[in-house]
Amino acid sequence: MNNLTKFTQISFLIPAGSDVQKTVSFYEKLGFQVTHKEKDPPRMAVLERDCAVFYLCHENYQQLGQPINIRILVNNIDLFYQECLREGVINSTTEIKIKPWGTKELEIIAPMSVYLVFYTFDRE
């Protein structure tokens, strides 16, 4: 088993709609940093936070499928929740949910109906 190729990162192609910059701004509020943009106004942008890499693509990119559901493991869901509140990504009625399979999850609908689930394992 030690000779298997190791996956070191997973990247996602994500629809950004017709206004890529508006969608970039949303993900920046989640703490992502822009590492690349194509054209002005942008038709595609690469954003990164820790080990997550998102490729935001203009709505006419042919290889995008919907719906897109992305699960991101975070080390401190409560702290991330506070970040999202502070940045206005969610409001105070949004709750962290404890799931029967042992995770605490924060669900956010991003632009273009991309479903983001940030989670941690509930060990309390």
C-alpha atoms as a PDB file:
ATOM      1  CA  MET A   1       0.000   0.000   0.000  1.00  0.00           C
ATOM      2  CA  ASN A   2       2.890   2.414   0.543  1.00  0.00           C
ATOM      3  CA  ASN A   3       3.512   2.579  -3.206  1.00  0.00           C
ATOM      4  CA  LEU A   4       0.121   4.103  -4.024  1.00  0.00           C
ATOM      5  CA  THR A   5      -0.042   7.566  -5.484  1.00  0.00           C
ATOM      6  CA  LYS A   6      -1.143  10.090  -2.857  1.00  0.00           C
ATOM      7  CA  PHE A   7      -3.732  12.701  -3.567  1.00  0.00           C
ATOM      8  CA  THR A   8      -2.497  16.012  -2.192  1.00  0.00           C
ATOM      9  CA  GLN A   9      -5.328  18.364  -3.105  1.00  0.00           C
ATOM     10  CA  ILE A  10      -8.864  18.395  -4.471  1.00  0.00           C
ATOM     11  CA  SER A  11      -9.935  21.304  -6.657  1.00  0.00           C
ATOM     12  CA  PHE A  12     -13.447  22.178  -7.755  1.00  0.00           C
ATOM     13  CA  LEU A  13     -14.819  23.877 -10.855  1.00  0.00           C
ATOM     14  CA  ILE A  14     -17.648  26.051  -9.586  1.00  0.00           C
ATOM     15  CA  PRO A  15     -20.172  28.058 -11.620  1.00  0.00           C
ATOM     16  CA  ALA A  16     -19.889  31.765 -10.912  1.00  0.00           C
ATOM     17  CA  GLY A  17     -22.833  33.004 -12.982  1.00  0.00           C
ATOM     18  CA  SER A  18     -22.560  35.946 -15.339  1.00  0.00           C
ATOM     19  CA  ASP A  19     -20.781  38.179 -12.795  1.00  0.00           C
ATOM     20  CA  VAL A  20     -17.633  36.320 -11.771  1.00  0.00           C
ATOM     21  CA  GLN A  21     -16.348  39.263  -9.705  1.00  0.00           C
ATOM     22  CA  LYS A  22     -19.508  39.285  -7.560  1.00  0.00           C
ATOM     23  CA  THR A  23     -19.056  35.572  -6.847  1.00  0.00           C
ATOM     24  CA  VAL A  24     -15.344  36.119  -6.101  1.00  0.00           C
ATOM     25  CA  SER A  25     -16.364  38.716  -3.499  1.00  0.00           C
ATOM     26  CA  PHE A  26     -18.654  36.171  -1.796  1.00  0.00           C
ATOM     27  CA  TYR A  27     -15.861  33.594  -1.487  1.00  0.00           C
ATOM     28  CA  GLU A  28     -13.418  36.249  -0.248  1.00  0.00           C
ATOM     29  CA  LYS A  29     -15.821  36.798   2.670  1.00  0.00           C
ATOM     30  CA  LEU A  30     -15.345  33.096   3.463  1.00  0.00           C
ATOM     31  CA  GLY A  31     -11.597  33.732   3.732  1.00  0.00           C
ATOM     32  CA  PHE A  32     -10.537  32.593   0.253  1.00  0.00           C
ATOM     33  CA  GLN A  33      -7.721  34.498  -1.474  1.00  0.00           C
ATOM     34  CA  VAL A  34      -7.617  35.140  -5.224  1.00  0.00           C
ATOM     35  CA  THR A  35      -4.493  33.568  -6.701  1.00  0.00           C
ATOM     36  CA  HIS A  36      -5.349  34.063 -10.385  1.00  0.00           C
ATOM     37  CA  LYS A  37      -7.880  35.920 -12.574  1.00  0.00           C
ATOM     38  CA  GLU A  38      -8.393  35.795 -16.322  1.00  0.00           C
ATOM     39  CA  LYS A  39      -9.532  38.913 -18.179  1.00  0.00           C
ATOM     40  CA  ASP A  40     -11.160  42.088 -16.878  1.00  0.00           C
ATOM     41  CA  PRO A  41     -13.936  41.712 -15.922  1.00  0.00           C
ATOM     42  CA  PRO A  42     -12.887  38.189 -14.933  1.00  0.00           C
ATOM     43  CA  ARG A  43     -14.206  35.152 -16.828  1.00  0.00           C
ATOM     44  CA  MET A  44     -12.433  32.742 -14.472  1.00  0.00           C
ATOM     45  CA  ALA A  45     -10.751  33.067 -11.089  1.00  0.00           C
ATOM     46  CA  VAL A  46      -8.786  30.717  -8.853  1.00  0.00           C
ATOM     47  CA  LEU A  47      -9.333  31.086  -5.120  1.00  0.00           C
ATOM     48  CA  GLU A  48      -7.569  29.263  -2.298  1.00  0.00           C
ATOM     49  CA  ARG A  49      -7.933  28.823   1.433  1.00  0.00           C
ATOM     50  CA  ASP A  50      -5.726  26.276   3.173  1.00  0.00           C
ATOM     51  CA  CYS A  51      -6.004  23.048   1.118  1.00  0.00           C
ATOM     52  CA  ALA A  52      -9.203  24.041  -0.735  1.00  0.00           C
ATOM     53  CA  VAL A  53      -8.865  25.386  -4.283  1.00  0.00           C
ATOM     54  CA  PHE A  54     -11.897  26.653  -6.211  1.00  0.00           C
ATOM     55  CA  TYR A  55     -11.940  27.517  -9.904  1.00  0.00           C
ATOM     56  CA  LEU A  56     -14.813  29.953 -10.410  1.00  0.00           C
ATOM     57  CA  CYS A  57     -15.949  29.917 -14.022  1.00  0.00           C
ATOM     58  CA  HIS A  58     -18.295  32.151 -16.021  1.00  0.00           C
ATOM     59  CA  GLU A  59     -21.738  30.621 -16.529  1.00  0.00           C
ATOM     60  CA  ASN A  60     -21.100  29.606 -20.127  1.00  0.00           C
ATOM     61  CA  TYR A  61     -18.288  27.193 -19.229  1.00  0.00           C
ATOM     62  CA  GLN A  62     -19.515  23.963 -20.816  1.00  0.00           C
ATOM     63  CA  GLN A  63     -18.106  21.371 -18.406  1.00  0.00           C
ATOM     64  CA  LEU A  64     -19.880  22.563 -15.272  1.00  0.00           C
ATOM     65  CA  GLY A  65     -22.649  20.441 -13.877  1.00  0.00           C
ATOM     66  CA  GLN A  66     -25.247  21.347 -11.318  1.00  0.00           C
ATOM     67  CA  PRO A  67     -26.151  20.981  -8.584  1.00  0.00           C
ATOM     68  CA  ILE A  68     -22.770  21.211  -6.914  1.00  0.00           C
ATOM     69  CA  ASN A  69     -22.386  20.130  -3.292  1.00  0.00           C
ATOM     70  CA  ILE A  70     -19.022  20.677  -1.608  1.00  0.00           C
ATOM     71  CA  ARG A  71     -18.112  19.423   1.869  1.00  0.00           C
ATOM     72  CA  ILE A  72     -15.150  21.100   3.568  1.00  0.00           C
ATOM     73  CA  LEU A  73     -13.657  19.790   6.810  1.00  0.00           C
ATOM     74  CA  VAL A  74     -12.698  22.625   9.181  1.00  0.00           C
ATOM     75  CA  ASN A  75     -10.793  22.378  12.443  1.00  0.00           C
ATOM     76  CA  ASN A  76     -13.057  24.748  14.425  1.00  0.00           C
ATOM     77  CA  ILE A  77     -16.623  25.058  13.145  1.00  0.00           C
ATOM     78  CA  ASP A  78     -17.650  27.466  15.908  1.00  0.00           C
ATOM     79  CA  LEU A  79     -14.845  29.905  15.077  1.00  0.00           C
ATOM     80  CA  PHE A  80     -15.636  29.645  11.358  1.00  0.00           C
ATOM     81  CA  TYR A  81     -19.311  30.317  12.141  1.00  0.00           C
ATOM     82  CA  GLN A  82     -18.271  33.550  13.880  1.00  0.00           C
ATOM     83  CA  GLU A  83     -16.159  34.531  10.839  1.00  0.00           C
ATOM     84  CA  CYS A  84     -19.180  34.018   8.574  1.00  0.00           C
ATOM     85  CA  LEU A  85     -21.414  36.109  10.862  1.00  0.00           C
ATOM     86  CA  ARG A  86     -18.833  38.906  10.995  1.00  0.00           C
ATOM     87  CA  GLU A  87     -18.477  38.960   7.201  1.00  0.00           C
ATOM     88  CA  GLY A  88     -22.243  38.915   6.630  1.00  0.00           C
ATOM     89  CA  VAL A  89     -22.182  35.601   4.746  1.00  0.00           C
ATOM     90  CA  ILE A  90     -24.821  34.222   7.136  1.00  0.00           C
ATOM     91  CA  ASN A  91     -27.193  35.786   9.643  1.00  0.00           C
ATOM     92  CA  SER A  92     -27.948  34.964  13.260  1.00  0.00           C
ATOM     93  CA  THR A  93     -30.805  32.623  12.297  1.00  0.00           C
ATOM     94  CA  THR A  94     -28.337  30.284  10.565  1.00  0.00           C
ATOM     95  CA  GLU A  95     -27.466  27.396  12.874  1.00  0.00           C
ATOM     96  CA  ILE A  96     -24.742  24.814  13.169  1.00  0.00           C
ATOM     97  CA  LYS A  97     -26.456  21.433  13.090  1.00  0.00           C
ATOM     98  CA  ILE A  98     -25.341  18.236  14.780  1.00  0.00           C
ATOM     99  CA  LYS A  99     -25.930  15.318  12.425  1.00  0.00           C
ATOM    100  CA  PRO A 100     -26.640  11.709  13.454  1.00  0.00           C
ATOM    101  CA  TRP A 101     -23.493  10.514  11.640  1.00  0.00           C
ATOM    102  CA  GLY A 102     -21.284  12.442  14.083  1.00  0.00           C
ATOM    103  CA  THR A 103     -20.575  15.788  12.455  1.00  0.00           C
ATOM    104  CA  LYS A 104     -21.342  19.408  13.278  1.00  0.00           C
ATOM    105  CA  GLU A 105     -22.265  21.192  10.037  1.00  0.00           C
ATOM    106  CA  LEU A 106     -22.739  24.729   8.767  1.00  0.00           C
ATOM    107  CA  GLU A 107     -24.649  24.837   5.486  1.00  0.00           C
ATOM    108  CA  ILE A 108     -24.323  27.862   3.185  1.00  0.00           C
ATOM    109  CA  ILE A 109     -25.846  28.428  -0.245  1.00  0.00           C
ATOM    110  CA  ALA A 110     -23.319  30.292  -2.398  1.00  0.00           C
ATOM    111  CA  PRO A 111     -24.031  32.161  -5.649  1.00  0.00           C
ATOM    112  CA  MET A 112     -25.353  29.954  -8.466  1.00  0.00           C
ATOM    113  CA  SER A 113     -26.916  27.611  -5.860  1.00  0.00           C
ATOM    114  CA  VAL A 114     -23.597  25.996  -4.947  1.00  0.00           C
ATOM    115  CA  TYR A 115     -24.251  24.125  -1.701  1.00  0.00           C
ATOM    116  CA  LEU A 116     -21.338  24.449   0.760  1.00  0.00           C
ATOM    117  CA  VAL A 117     -21.225  22.296   3.876  1.00  0.00           C
ATOM    118  CA  PHE A 118     -18.481  23.141   6.350  1.00  0.00           C
ATOM    119  CA  TYR A 119     -18.140  20.455   8.977  1.00  0.00           C
ATOM    120  CA  THR A 120     -16.162  19.073  11.876  1.00  0.00           C
ATOM    121  CA  PHE A 121     -16.492  15.852  13.791  1.00  0.00           C
ATOM    122  CA  ASP A 122     -18.609  16.284  16.927  1.00  0.00           C
ATOM    123  CA  ARG A 123     -16.530  14.836  19.727  1.00  0.00           C
ATOM    124  CA  GLU A 124     -18.120  16.693  22.599  1.00  0.00           C
END
